[in-house]
Amino acid sequence: MMEYAKDEIFTIRYNIKKDELEYPIRKRIREKIRKNKVLSLFFMMGLTFIILDITFIYYFFSLLTKI
């Protein structure tokens, strides 16, 4: 029977030149979206259109079932 490794490996690194921690790519992407207004606008518009699309499809199929 195999044993699981008890060591955990994290991808956070320390940047000596900037004197701060470097975070994984997901956190960097989130920070870029928060700082950049155009990216956050496109992200929010895309999320809004996805929600609208799902609701319109739901109402369309509910209308089809009534016919």
C-alpha atoms as a PDB file:
ATOM      1  CA  MET A   1       0.000   0.000   0.000  1.00  0.00           C
ATOM      2  CA  MET A   2       1.318   3.415  -0.970  1.00  0.00           C
ATOM      3  CA  GLU A   3       1.599   6.272   1.472  1.00  0.00           C
ATOM      4  CA  TYR A   4       0.725   9.814   0.581  1.00  0.00           C
ATOM      5  CA  ALA A   5       3.439  12.406   0.792  1.00  0.00           C
ATOM      6  CA  LYS A   6       3.168  14.599   3.842  1.00  0.00           C
ATOM      7  CA  ASP A   7       5.128  17.459   2.317  1.00  0.00           C
ATOM      8  CA  GLU A   8       3.194  20.292   0.752  1.00  0.00           C
ATOM      9  CA  ILE A   9       4.605  22.338  -2.080  1.00  0.00           C
ATOM     10  CA  PHE A  10       3.415  25.907  -2.523  1.00  0.00           C
ATOM     11  CA  THR A  11       3.994  28.103  -5.550  1.00  0.00           C
ATOM     12  CA  ILE A  12       4.460  31.344  -3.608  1.00  0.00           C
ATOM     13  CA  ARG A  13       7.917  32.814  -4.111  1.00  0.00           C
ATOM     14  CA  TYR A  14       9.697  35.720  -2.487  1.00  0.00           C
ATOM     15  CA  ASN A  15      11.059  38.403  -4.816  1.00  0.00           C
ATOM     16  CA  ILE A  16      14.115  39.998  -3.230  1.00  0.00           C
ATOM     17  CA  LYS A  17      14.272  42.937  -5.679  1.00  0.00           C
ATOM     18  CA  LYS A  18      10.685  44.017  -5.001  1.00  0.00           C
ATOM     19  CA  ASP A  19      10.829  42.869  -1.354  1.00  0.00           C
ATOM     20  CA  GLU A  20       7.443  41.150  -1.590  1.00  0.00           C
ATOM     21  CA  LEU A  21       5.833  37.776  -2.188  1.00  0.00           C
ATOM     22  CA  GLU A  22       4.950  36.598  -5.681  1.00  0.00           C
ATOM     23  CA  TYR A  23       1.586  34.886  -5.837  1.00  0.00           C
ATOM     24  CA  PRO A  24       0.265  32.176  -8.186  1.00  0.00           C
ATOM     25  CA  ILE A  25      -1.138  33.059 -11.593  1.00  0.00           C
ATOM     26  CA  ARG A  26      -4.810  33.083 -10.523  1.00  0.00           C
ATOM     27  CA  LYS A  27      -4.167  35.765  -7.939  1.00  0.00           C
ATOM     28  CA  ARG A  28      -2.160  37.829 -10.442  1.00  0.00           C
ATOM     29  CA  ILE A  29      -4.980  37.621 -12.996  1.00  0.00           C
ATOM     30  CA  ARG A  30      -7.542  38.692 -10.391  1.00  0.00           C
ATOM     31  CA  GLU A  31      -5.377  41.657  -9.387  1.00  0.00           C
ATOM     32  CA  LYS A  32      -4.964  42.749 -13.037  1.00  0.00           C
ATOM     33  CA  ILE A  33      -8.725  42.598 -13.559  1.00  0.00           C
ATOM     34  CA  ARG A  34      -9.335  44.638 -10.412  1.00  0.00           C
ATOM     35  CA  LYS A  35      -6.764  47.283 -11.335  1.00  0.00           C
ATOM     36  CA  ASN A  36      -7.650  47.591 -15.038  1.00  0.00           C
ATOM     37  CA  LYS A  37     -11.064  49.200 -15.587  1.00  0.00           C
ATOM     38  CA  VAL A  38     -11.417  48.060 -19.202  1.00  0.00           C
ATOM     39  CA  LEU A  39     -10.748  44.421 -18.305  1.00  0.00           C
ATOM     40  CA  SER A  40     -13.182  44.589 -15.402  1.00  0.00           C
ATOM     41  CA  LEU A  41     -15.805  46.164 -17.686  1.00  0.00           C
ATOM     42  CA  PHE A  42     -15.433  43.362 -20.268  1.00  0.00           C
ATOM     43  CA  PHE A  43     -15.509  40.742 -17.536  1.00  0.00           C
ATOM     44  CA  MET A  44     -18.686  42.171 -15.999  1.00  0.00           C
ATOM     45  CA  MET A  45     -20.342  42.551 -19.418  1.00  0.00           C
ATOM     46  CA  GLY A  46     -19.530  38.943 -20.282  1.00  0.00           C
ATOM     47  CA  LEU A  47     -20.890  37.713 -16.966  1.00  0.00           C
ATOM     48  CA  THR A  48     -24.061  39.772 -17.452  1.00  0.00           C
ATOM     49  CA  PHE A  49     -24.611  38.425 -20.962  1.00  0.00           C
ATOM     50  CA  ILE A  50     -24.091  34.854 -19.782  1.00  0.00           C
ATOM     51  CA  ILE A  51     -26.730  35.300 -17.065  1.00  0.00           C
ATOM     52  CA  LEU A  52     -29.145  36.947 -19.519  1.00  0.00           C
ATOM     53  CA  ASP A  53     -28.594  34.192 -22.060  1.00  0.00           C
ATOM     54  CA  ILE A  54     -29.333  31.467 -19.530  1.00  0.00           C
ATOM     55  CA  THR A  55     -32.524  33.192 -18.367  1.00  0.00           C
ATOM     56  CA  PHE A  56     -33.741  33.761 -21.937  1.00  0.00           C
ATOM     57  CA  ILE A  57     -33.124  30.105 -22.824  1.00  0.00           C
ATOM     58  CA  TYR A  58     -34.999  29.021 -19.690  1.00  0.00           C
ATOM     59  CA  TYR A  59     -38.014  31.211 -20.512  1.00  0.00           C
ATOM     60  CA  PHE A  60     -37.956  30.080 -24.141  1.00  0.00           C
ATOM     61  CA  PHE A  61     -38.138  26.407 -23.160  1.00  0.00           C
ATOM     62  CA  SER A  62     -40.844  27.108 -20.579  1.00  0.00           C
ATOM     63  CA  LEU A  63     -42.833  28.861 -23.337  1.00  0.00           C
ATOM     64  CA  LEU A  64     -42.314  25.880 -25.647  1.00  0.00           C
ATOM     65  CA  THR A  65     -43.679  23.488 -23.036  1.00  0.00           C
ATOM     66  CA  LYS A  66     -46.879  25.559 -22.727  1.00  0.00           C
ATOM     67  CA  ILE A  67     -47.557  25.393 -26.480  1.00  0.00           C
END
